Amino acid sequence: MRRTVCLSAGFLLAATTAFAEGGVVKTLDFHNVHIRTNDPAKAGEWYVKYLGATPGRAPQLVMFGKTLIEFVKTEQLQPSTGSVIDHIGLSFADLDRKMKELEGSGAKVLTAPRDVAGLFKLGFIEDLWGTKIEVVQDSELLGFHHVHLRVPDPAATLNWYESMFGGGERAKLKGRIEGLRYGTVWLLAASSGNETPAPSLDRAVYNIAYLVPNVDDAVTALKSKGVKTRVEPRSIGTVRYAFVQDPNGVEIELIHQQR
């Protein structure tokens, strides 16, 4: 896959600034998701105009704070619904106002905003290219909020990520939803019931990604635990990256800035 990489200054951290110890691989932060679309430049423009993203260094790159979304060209659009990466979550200060803006944007409103007691106001939309997005009003965490996986065994999945990728805080979102928090981004997991979700490889939300101190060391450590490597470590300019896959078929990118 041809990639353009955007690293904000906040990502250029030394290994000593990791959030926590533990896990096979030390992570420094949650880094990005790739979204597959037939028009990466248009998708970038739409996310800036309607979802409040900040333009990146190229039309197909946008930022939500320190979290990057990269739009990747495909001619075979496949929705995130039905995939192991079911949706991403974005948080806004005024959800009702945002939903009114989105209604005229071409997005499909899947669920109108509603208040969930003890949690926050939330709704669901689908963008023009099949990415399901949970839009929430969480005043404590605005911008890129979470990635929600859909898996046969949510507890086992969260345990796997906690054991493999140290640096995530095991906690409950608003005291209710079990998850892992990497920096400001939550990784959540819901049950797929009797269904077997499709791997993320060919779906709208292609991957999740972690910033690590050293990609080669991370891949070596993960291989020793039997983790499947999808793309061996390689470089684009000063950026080093690789892809591995979790037991449920989630593509995971590992990335670091070379000096």
C-alpha atoms as a PDB file:
ATOM      1  CA  MET A   1       0.000   0.000   0.000  1.00  0.00           C
ATOM      2  CA  ARG A   2       1.372   3.398  -1.017  1.00  0.00           C
ATOM      3  CA  ARG A   3       1.498   5.654   2.014  1.00  0.00           C
ATOM      4  CA  THR A   4       2.062   9.285   2.849  1.00  0.00           C
ATOM      5  CA  VAL A   5       3.083   9.770   6.450  1.00  0.00           C
ATOM      6  CA  CYS A   6       2.327  12.754   8.668  1.00  0.00           C
ATOM      7  CA  LEU A   7       3.853  12.969  12.134  1.00  0.00           C
ATOM      8  CA  SER A   8       2.995  15.923  14.343  1.00  0.00           C
ATOM      9  CA  ALA A   9       5.624  17.380  16.621  1.00  0.00           C
ATOM     10  CA  GLY A  10       3.860  15.865  19.618  1.00  0.00           C
ATOM     11  CA  PHE A  11       4.682  12.380  18.326  1.00  0.00           C
ATOM     12  CA  LEU A  12       8.431  12.928  18.206  1.00  0.00           C
ATOM     13  CA  LEU A  13       8.970  11.625  21.695  1.00  0.00           C
ATOM     14  CA  ALA A  14      11.827   9.760  23.276  1.00  0.00           C
ATOM     15  CA  ALA A  15      11.214   6.278  24.574  1.00  0.00           C
ATOM     16  CA  THR A  16      11.343   7.555  28.131  1.00  0.00           C
ATOM     17  CA  THR A  17       8.090   9.480  27.634  1.00  0.00           C
ATOM     18  CA  ALA A  18       5.908   6.383  27.243  1.00  0.00           C
ATOM     19  CA  PHE A  19       2.715   6.522  29.280  1.00  0.00           C
ATOM     20  CA  ALA A  20       3.321   3.318  31.209  1.00  0.00           C
ATOM     21  CA  GLU A  21       5.419   0.220  31.383  1.00  0.00           C
ATOM     22  CA  GLY A  22       4.177  -3.313  30.732  1.00  0.00           C
ATOM     23  CA  GLY A  23       3.226  -5.324  27.705  1.00  0.00           C
ATOM     24  CA  VAL A  24       5.403  -7.017  25.103  1.00  0.00           C
ATOM     25  CA  VAL A  25       5.756  -3.707  23.214  1.00  0.00           C
ATOM     26  CA  LYS A  26       5.956  -0.299  24.831  1.00  0.00           C
ATOM     27  CA  THR A  27       3.650   2.179  23.084  1.00  0.00           C
ATOM     28  CA  LEU A  28       4.108   5.939  23.184  1.00  0.00           C
ATOM     29  CA  ASP A  29       0.700   6.949  21.853  1.00  0.00           C
ATOM     30  CA  PHE A  30      -2.175   6.017  19.601  1.00  0.00           C
ATOM     31  CA  HIS A  31      -1.169   7.264  16.147  1.00  0.00           C
ATOM     32  CA  ASN A  32      -3.605   6.793  13.254  1.00  0.00           C
ATOM     33  CA  VAL A  33      -6.332   5.013  11.358  1.00  0.00           C
ATOM     34  CA  HIS A  34      -6.427   4.512   7.598  1.00  0.00           C
ATOM     35  CA  ILE A  35      -9.802   4.889   5.882  1.00  0.00           C
ATOM     36  CA  ARG A  36     -10.351   3.432   2.422  1.00  0.00           C
ATOM     37  CA  THR A  37     -12.159   5.654  -0.099  1.00  0.00           C
ATOM     38  CA  ASN A  38     -12.407   6.093  -3.860  1.00  0.00           C
ATOM     39  CA  ASP A  39     -11.518   9.800  -3.522  1.00  0.00           C
ATOM     40  CA  PRO A  40      -8.932  10.480  -0.774  1.00  0.00           C
ATOM     41  CA  ALA A  41      -8.697  14.237  -1.454  1.00  0.00           C
ATOM     42  CA  LYS A  42     -12.482  14.688  -1.330  1.00  0.00           C
ATOM     43  CA  ALA A  43     -12.684  12.630   1.853  1.00  0.00           C
ATOM     44  CA  GLY A  44     -10.030  14.800   3.482  1.00  0.00           C
ATOM     45  CA  GLU A  45     -11.896  17.950   2.472  1.00  0.00           C
ATOM     46  CA  TRP A  46     -15.190  16.549   3.798  1.00  0.00           C
ATOM     47  CA  TYR A  47     -13.704  15.610   7.177  1.00  0.00           C
ATOM     48  CA  VAL A  48     -12.233  19.096   7.529  1.00  0.00           C
ATOM     49  CA  LYS A  49     -15.440  20.871   6.515  1.00  0.00           C
ATOM     50  CA  TYR A  50     -17.996  18.790   8.387  1.00  0.00           C
ATOM     51  CA  LEU A  51     -16.151  16.974  11.176  1.00  0.00           C
ATOM     52  CA  GLY A  52     -13.725  19.684  12.262  1.00  0.00           C
ATOM     53  CA  ALA A  53     -10.486  17.945  11.305  1.00  0.00           C
ATOM     54  CA  THR A  54      -7.329  19.952  10.687  1.00  0.00           C
ATOM     55  CA  PRO A  55      -5.762  19.646   7.213  1.00  0.00           C
ATOM     56  CA  GLY A  56      -2.520  17.661   7.099  1.00  0.00           C
ATOM     57  CA  ARG A  57       0.502  18.045   4.836  1.00  0.00           C
ATOM     58  CA  ALA A  58      -1.319  16.436   1.891  1.00  0.00           C
ATOM     59  CA  PRO A  59      -5.004  16.431   0.836  1.00  0.00           C
ATOM     60  CA  GLN A  60      -5.510  12.823   1.986  1.00  0.00           C
ATOM     61  CA  LEU A  61      -4.232  13.543   5.503  1.00  0.00           C
ATOM     62  CA  VAL A  62      -6.227  15.117   8.322  1.00  0.00           C
ATOM     63  CA  MET A  63      -5.620  15.454  12.037  1.00  0.00           C
ATOM     64  CA  PHE A  64      -7.825  15.352  15.109  1.00  0.00           C
ATOM     65  CA  GLY A  65      -5.414  16.732  17.677  1.00  0.00           C
ATOM     66  CA  LYS A  66      -2.479  14.313  17.577  1.00  0.00           C
ATOM     67  CA  THR A  67      -4.434  11.515  15.884  1.00  0.00           C
ATOM     68  CA  LEU A  68      -3.955  11.141  12.140  1.00  0.00           C
ATOM     69  CA  ILE A  69      -6.518   9.887   9.640  1.00  0.00           C
ATOM     70  CA  GLU A  70      -5.045   8.902   6.286  1.00  0.00           C
ATOM     71  CA  PHE A  71      -7.409   8.258   3.384  1.00  0.00           C
ATOM     72  CA  VAL A  72      -6.256   5.456   1.098  1.00  0.00           C
ATOM     73  CA  LYS A  73      -7.404   4.975  -2.502  1.00  0.00           C
ATOM     74  CA  THR A  74      -9.606   1.990  -3.364  1.00  0.00           C
ATOM     75  CA  GLU A  75     -12.161   1.258  -6.070  1.00  0.00           C
ATOM     76  CA  GLN A  76     -13.928  -1.383  -3.991  1.00  0.00           C
ATOM     77  CA  LEU A  77     -15.718   0.367  -1.156  1.00  0.00           C
ATOM     78  CA  GLN A  78     -16.561  -1.936   1.757  1.00  0.00           C
ATOM     79  CA  PRO A  79     -18.352  -0.541   4.825  1.00  0.00           C
ATOM     80  CA  SER A  80     -16.869  -0.712   8.285  1.00  0.00           C
ATOM     81  CA  THR A  81     -20.123  -2.266   9.528  1.00  0.00           C
ATOM     82  CA  GLY A  82     -19.611  -6.006   9.571  1.00  0.00           C
ATOM     83  CA  SER A  83     -15.876  -5.605  10.078  1.00  0.00           C
ATOM     84  CA  VAL A  84     -13.813  -6.274  13.165  1.00  0.00           C
ATOM     85  CA  ILE A  85     -13.238  -2.486  13.320  1.00  0.00           C
ATOM     86  CA  ASP A  86     -16.904  -1.560  13.505  1.00  0.00           C
ATOM     87  CA  HIS A  87     -16.566   2.211  13.890  1.00  0.00           C
ATOM     88  CA  ILE A  88     -14.574   5.170  15.083  1.00  0.00           C
ATOM     89  CA  GLY A  89     -15.826   7.749  17.583  1.00  0.00           C
ATOM     90  CA  LEU A  90     -15.592  11.545  17.394  1.00  0.00           C
ATOM     91  CA  SER A  91     -16.609  13.883  20.202  1.00  0.00           C
ATOM     92  CA  PHE A  92     -18.162  17.342  19.820  1.00  0.00           C
ATOM     93  CA  ALA A  93     -19.086  20.091  22.274  1.00  0.00           C
ATOM     94  CA  ASP A  94     -22.607  20.504  20.816  1.00  0.00           C
ATOM     95  CA  LEU A  95     -23.823  17.260  19.280  1.00  0.00           C
ATOM     96  CA  ASP A  96     -27.280  18.484  18.260  1.00  0.00           C
ATOM     97  CA  ARG A  97     -25.761  21.333  16.269  1.00  0.00           C
ATOM     98  CA  LYS A  98     -23.180  19.018  14.684  1.00  0.00           C
ATOM     99  CA  MET A  99     -25.834  16.508  13.625  1.00  0.00           C
ATOM    100  CA  LYS A 100     -27.848  19.244  11.933  1.00  0.00           C
ATOM    101  CA  GLU A 101     -24.733  20.186   9.956  1.00  0.00           C
ATOM    102  CA  LEU A 102     -24.109  16.555   9.033  1.00  0.00           C
ATOM    103  CA  GLU A 103     -27.682  15.998   7.830  1.00  0.00           C
ATOM    104  CA  GLY A 104     -26.969  18.312   4.904  1.00  0.00           C
ATOM    105  CA  SER A 105     -23.478  16.999   4.213  1.00  0.00           C
ATOM    106  CA  GLY A 106     -24.331  13.777   2.375  1.00  0.00           C
ATOM    107  CA  ALA A 107     -23.703  11.628   5.449  1.00  0.00           C
ATOM    108  CA  LYS A 108     -26.276   8.990   6.368  1.00  0.00           C
ATOM    109  CA  VAL A 109     -27.745   9.429   9.855  1.00  0.00           C
ATOM    110  CA  LEU A 110     -27.999   5.939  11.311  1.00  0.00           C
ATOM    111  CA  THR A 111     -29.127   6.880  14.818  1.00  0.00           C
ATOM    112  CA  ALA A 112     -30.392  10.278  15.962  1.00  0.00           C
ATOM    113  CA  PRO A 113     -28.714  11.794  19.047  1.00  0.00           C
ATOM    114  CA  ARG A 114     -29.961  10.500  22.379  1.00  0.00           C
ATOM    115  CA  ASP A 115     -28.888  10.910  25.971  1.00  0.00           C
ATOM    116  CA  VAL A 116     -27.528   7.770  27.606  1.00  0.00           C
ATOM    117  CA  ALA A 117     -27.815   8.033  31.375  1.00  0.00           C
ATOM    118  CA  GLY A 118     -24.440   7.981  33.081  1.00  0.00           C
ATOM    119  CA  LEU A 119     -22.593   8.196  29.776  1.00  0.00           C
ATOM    120  CA  PHE A 120     -23.186  11.066  27.315  1.00  0.00           C
ATOM    121  CA  LYS A 121     -25.297  12.072  24.337  1.00  0.00           C
ATOM    122  CA  LEU A 122     -24.511   9.993  21.256  1.00  0.00           C
ATOM    123  CA  GLY A 123     -25.646   9.103  17.759  1.00  0.00           C
ATOM    124  CA  PHE A 124     -24.313   7.299  14.683  1.00  0.00           C
ATOM    125  CA  ILE A 125     -23.659   8.373  11.117  1.00  0.00           C
ATOM    126  CA  GLU A 126     -22.053   6.786   8.070  1.00  0.00           C
ATOM    127  CA  ASP A 127     -19.775   8.948   5.943  1.00  0.00           C
ATOM    128  CA  LEU A 128     -19.981   9.070   2.142  1.00  0.00           C
ATOM    129  CA  TRP A 129     -17.603   6.114   1.790  1.00  0.00           C
ATOM    130  CA  GLY A 130     -19.015   3.635   4.308  1.00  0.00           C
ATOM    131  CA  THR A 131     -17.206   4.494   7.533  1.00  0.00           C
ATOM    132  CA  LYS A 132     -19.489   4.198  10.543  1.00  0.00           C
ATOM    133  CA  ILE A 133     -18.855   7.006  13.033  1.00  0.00           C
ATOM    134  CA  GLU A 134     -20.212   7.296  16.538  1.00  0.00           C
ATOM    135  CA  VAL A 135     -20.658  10.996  17.267  1.00  0.00           C
ATOM    136  CA  VAL A 136     -20.681  11.768  20.978  1.00  0.00           C
ATOM    137  CA  GLN A 137     -20.806  14.739  23.289  1.00  0.00           C
ATOM    138  CA  ASP A 138     -18.096  14.012  25.839  1.00  0.00           C
ATOM    139  CA  SER A 139     -16.919  17.348  27.214  1.00  0.00           C
ATOM    140  CA  GLU A 140     -13.941  15.658  28.881  1.00  0.00           C
ATOM    141  CA  LEU A 141     -12.546  14.348  25.575  1.00  0.00           C
ATOM    142  CA  LEU A 142     -13.293  16.290  22.382  1.00  0.00           C
ATOM    143  CA  GLY A 143     -11.995  15.284  18.947  1.00  0.00           C
ATOM    144  CA  PHE A 144     -10.928  11.738  18.110  1.00  0.00           C
ATOM    145  CA  HIS A 145     -12.551   9.768  20.916  1.00  0.00           C
ATOM    146  CA  HIS A 146     -12.361   6.011  20.359  1.00  0.00           C
ATOM    147  CA  VAL A 147     -12.089   2.995  18.107  1.00  0.00           C
ATOM    148  CA  HIS A 148     -14.716   0.315  18.701  1.00  0.00           C
ATOM    149  CA  LEU A 149     -13.908  -3.267  17.791  1.00  0.00           C
ATOM    150  CA  ARG A 150     -16.554  -5.954  17.247  1.00  0.00           C
ATOM    151  CA  VAL A 151     -15.217  -9.339  18.324  1.00  0.00           C
ATOM    152  CA  PRO A 152     -16.365 -12.764  19.600  1.00  0.00           C
ATOM    153  CA  ASP A 153     -14.775 -12.266  23.039  1.00  0.00           C
ATOM    154  CA  PRO A 154     -14.369  -8.607  24.106  1.00  0.00           C
ATOM    155  CA  ALA A 155     -12.670  -9.380  27.428  1.00  0.00           C
ATOM    156  CA  ALA A 156     -10.099 -11.666  25.808  1.00  0.00           C
ATOM    157  CA  THR A 157      -9.444  -9.056  23.121  1.00  0.00           C
ATOM    158  CA  LEU A 158      -8.786  -6.287  25.627  1.00  0.00           C
ATOM    159  CA  ASN A 159      -6.572  -8.652  27.623  1.00  0.00           C
ATOM    160  CA  TRP A 160      -4.576  -9.403  24.464  1.00  0.00           C
ATOM    161  CA  TYR A 161      -4.024  -5.724  23.675  1.00  0.00           C
ATOM    162  CA  GLU A 162      -3.083  -4.970  27.261  1.00  0.00           C
ATOM    163  CA  SER A 163      -0.526  -7.788  27.288  1.00  0.00           C
ATOM    164  CA  MET A 164       0.926  -6.966  23.858  1.00  0.00           C
ATOM    165  CA  PHE A 165       0.893  -3.163  23.817  1.00  0.00           C
ATOM    166  CA  GLY A 166       1.970  -1.634  27.103  1.00  0.00           C
ATOM    167  CA  GLY A 167       1.144   1.994  27.684  1.00  0.00           C
ATOM    168  CA  GLY A 168      -2.603   1.628  27.586  1.00  0.00           C
ATOM    169  CA  GLU A 169      -4.535   2.302  30.770  1.00  0.00           C
ATOM    170  CA  ARG A 170      -7.144  -0.379  31.529  1.00  0.00           C
ATOM    171  CA  ALA A 171     -10.198   1.518  32.708  1.00  0.00           C
ATOM    172  CA  LYS A 172     -13.932   2.006  32.232  1.00  0.00           C
ATOM    173  CA  LEU A 173     -15.183   4.842  30.062  1.00  0.00           C
ATOM    174  CA  LYS A 174     -17.395   6.936  32.368  1.00  0.00           C
ATOM    175  CA  GLY A 175     -17.171   4.047  34.809  1.00  0.00           C
ATOM    176  CA  ARG A 176     -19.337   1.892  32.540  1.00  0.00           C
ATOM    177  CA  ILE A 177     -17.606   0.631  29.390  1.00  0.00           C
ATOM    178  CA  GLU A 178     -14.495  -1.525  29.753  1.00  0.00           C
ATOM    179  CA  GLY A 179     -11.606  -0.461  27.552  1.00  0.00           C
ATOM    180  CA  LEU A 180      -7.998   0.597  27.160  1.00  0.00           C
ATOM    181  CA  ARG A 181      -6.972   4.221  26.883  1.00  0.00           C
ATOM    182  CA  TYR A 182      -3.849   5.009  24.867  1.00  0.00           C
ATOM    183  CA  GLY A 183      -3.058   8.678  25.384  1.00  0.00           C
ATOM    184  CA  THR A 184      -6.435  10.334  24.767  1.00  0.00           C
ATOM    185  CA  VAL A 185      -7.904   7.596  22.549  1.00  0.00           C
ATOM    186  CA  TRP A 186     -10.049   4.757  23.867  1.00  0.00           C
ATOM    187  CA  LEU A 187      -9.891   1.246  22.421  1.00  0.00           C
ATOM    188  CA  LEU A 188     -13.238  -0.446  23.101  1.00  0.00           C
ATOM    189  CA  ALA A 189     -14.579  -3.894  22.217  1.00  0.00           C
ATOM    190  CA  ALA A 190     -18.164  -5.095  21.822  1.00  0.00           C
ATOM    191  CA  SER A 191     -19.465  -8.615  21.292  1.00  0.00           C
ATOM    192  CA  SER A 192     -20.163  -9.811  17.753  1.00  0.00           C
ATOM    193  CA  GLY A 193     -22.484 -12.496  19.092  1.00  0.00           C
ATOM    194  CA  ASN A 194     -22.682 -15.504  16.800  1.00  0.00           C
ATOM    195  CA  GLU A 195     -21.267 -13.588  13.827  1.00  0.00           C
ATOM    196  CA  THR A 196     -17.654 -13.691  12.692  1.00  0.00           C
ATOM    197  CA  PRO A 197     -16.682 -10.138  11.683  1.00  0.00           C
ATOM    198  CA  ALA A 198     -14.643  -9.619   8.526  1.00  0.00           C
ATOM    199  CA  PRO A 199     -10.940  -8.737   8.888  1.00  0.00           C
ATOM    200  CA  SER A 200     -10.265  -5.021   8.591  1.00  0.00           C
ATOM    201  CA  LEU A 201      -7.869  -5.410   5.644  1.00  0.00           C
ATOM    202  CA  ASP A 202     -10.346  -4.590   2.853  1.00  0.00           C
ATOM    203  CA  ARG A 203     -12.925  -2.630   4.828  1.00  0.00           C
ATOM    204  CA  ALA A 204     -13.521   1.106   5.276  1.00  0.00           C
ATOM    205  CA  VAL A 205     -11.467   1.383   8.468  1.00  0.00           C
ATOM    206  CA  TYR A 206      -8.287  -0.429   7.512  1.00  0.00           C
ATOM    207  CA  ASN A 207      -6.223  -0.309  10.700  1.00  0.00           C
ATOM    208  CA  ILE A 208      -5.296   1.124  14.045  1.00  0.00           C
ATOM    209  CA  ALA A 209      -1.727   2.282  14.762  1.00  0.00           C
ATOM    210  CA  TYR A 210       0.655   2.809  17.654  1.00  0.00           C
ATOM    211  CA  LEU A 211       3.714   5.003  17.921  1.00  0.00           C
ATOM    212  CA  VAL A 212       6.542   2.872  19.339  1.00  0.00           C
ATOM    213  CA  PRO A 213      10.169   3.594  20.277  1.00  0.00           C
ATOM    214  CA  ASN A 214      11.532   1.182  17.637  1.00  0.00           C
ATOM    215  CA  VAL A 215       9.515  -0.669  14.987  1.00  0.00           C
ATOM    216  CA  ASP A 216      12.091  -3.424  14.367  1.00  0.00           C
ATOM    217  CA  ASP A 217      12.370  -4.249  18.060  1.00  0.00           C
ATOM    218  CA  ALA A 218       8.568  -4.217  18.397  1.00  0.00           C
ATOM    219  CA  VAL A 219       8.058  -6.626  15.497  1.00  0.00           C
ATOM    220  CA  THR A 220      10.742  -8.978  16.816  1.00  0.00           C
ATOM    221  CA  ALA A 221       9.116  -9.010  20.248  1.00  0.00           C
ATOM    222  CA  LEU A 222       5.636  -9.598  18.834  1.00  0.00           C
ATOM    223  CA  LYS A 223       6.860 -12.396  16.562  1.00  0.00           C
ATOM    224  CA  SER A 224       8.269 -14.137  19.624  1.00  0.00           C
ATOM    225  CA  LYS A 225       4.708 -14.242  20.957  1.00  0.00           C
ATOM    226  CA  GLY A 226       3.305 -15.670  17.740  1.00  0.00           C
ATOM    227  CA  VAL A 227       1.799 -12.438  16.411  1.00  0.00           C
ATOM    228  CA  LYS A 228       1.349 -12.464  12.646  1.00  0.00           C
ATOM    229  CA  THR A 229       3.412  -9.920  10.701  1.00  0.00           C
ATOM    230  CA  ARG A 230       1.615  -8.580   7.636  1.00  0.00           C
ATOM    231  CA  VAL A 231       4.228  -6.055   6.439  1.00  0.00           C
ATOM    232  CA  GLU A 232       7.847  -6.352   7.542  1.00  0.00           C
ATOM    233  CA  PRO A 233       9.569  -3.193   8.822  1.00  0.00           C
ATOM    234  CA  ARG A 234      10.337  -0.701   6.074  1.00  0.00           C
ATOM    235  CA  SER A 235      11.028   3.002   5.681  1.00  0.00           C
ATOM    236  CA  ILE A 236       9.521   5.949   3.838  1.00  0.00           C
ATOM    237  CA  GLY A 237      11.917   8.842   4.253  1.00  0.00           C
ATOM    238  CA  THR A 238      12.563   9.182   7.962  1.00  0.00           C
ATOM    239  CA  VAL A 239       9.525   7.160   8.972  1.00  0.00           C
ATOM    240  CA  ARG A 240       9.854   3.476   9.862  1.00  0.00           C
ATOM    241  CA  TYR A 241       6.712   1.303   9.951  1.00  0.00           C
ATOM    242  CA  ALA A 242       5.350  -2.238   9.857  1.00  0.00           C
ATOM    243  CA  PHE A 243       1.971  -3.988  10.077  1.00  0.00           C
ATOM    244  CA  VAL A 244       0.954  -6.870  12.302  1.00  0.00           C
ATOM    245  CA  GLN A 245      -2.453  -8.473  12.806  1.00  0.00           C
ATOM    246  CA  ASP A 246      -4.349  -9.279  15.976  1.00  0.00           C
ATOM    247  CA  PRO A 247      -6.105 -12.674  16.490  1.00  0.00           C
ATOM    248  CA  ASN A 248      -9.408 -11.237  15.206  1.00  0.00           C
ATOM    249  CA  GLY A 249      -8.047  -9.775  11.975  1.00  0.00           C
ATOM    250  CA  VAL A 250      -7.389  -6.171  13.009  1.00  0.00           C
ATOM    251  CA  GLU A 251      -4.536  -4.601  11.042  1.00  0.00           C
ATOM    252  CA  ILE A 252      -2.160  -2.857  13.457  1.00  0.00           C
ATOM    253  CA  GLU A 253       0.495  -0.443  12.247  1.00  0.00           C
ATOM    254  CA  LEU A 254       3.628   0.189  14.283  1.00  0.00           C
ATOM    255  CA  ILE A 255       5.441   3.410  13.489  1.00  0.00           C
ATOM    256  CA  HIS A 256       8.393   5.512  14.618  1.00  0.00           C
ATOM    257  CA  GLN A 257      10.375   8.514  13.432  1.00  0.00           C
ATOM    258  CA  GLN A 258      13.970   7.715  12.512  1.00  0.00           C
ATOM    259  CA  ARG A 259      16.667  10.232  13.373  1.00  0.00           C
END
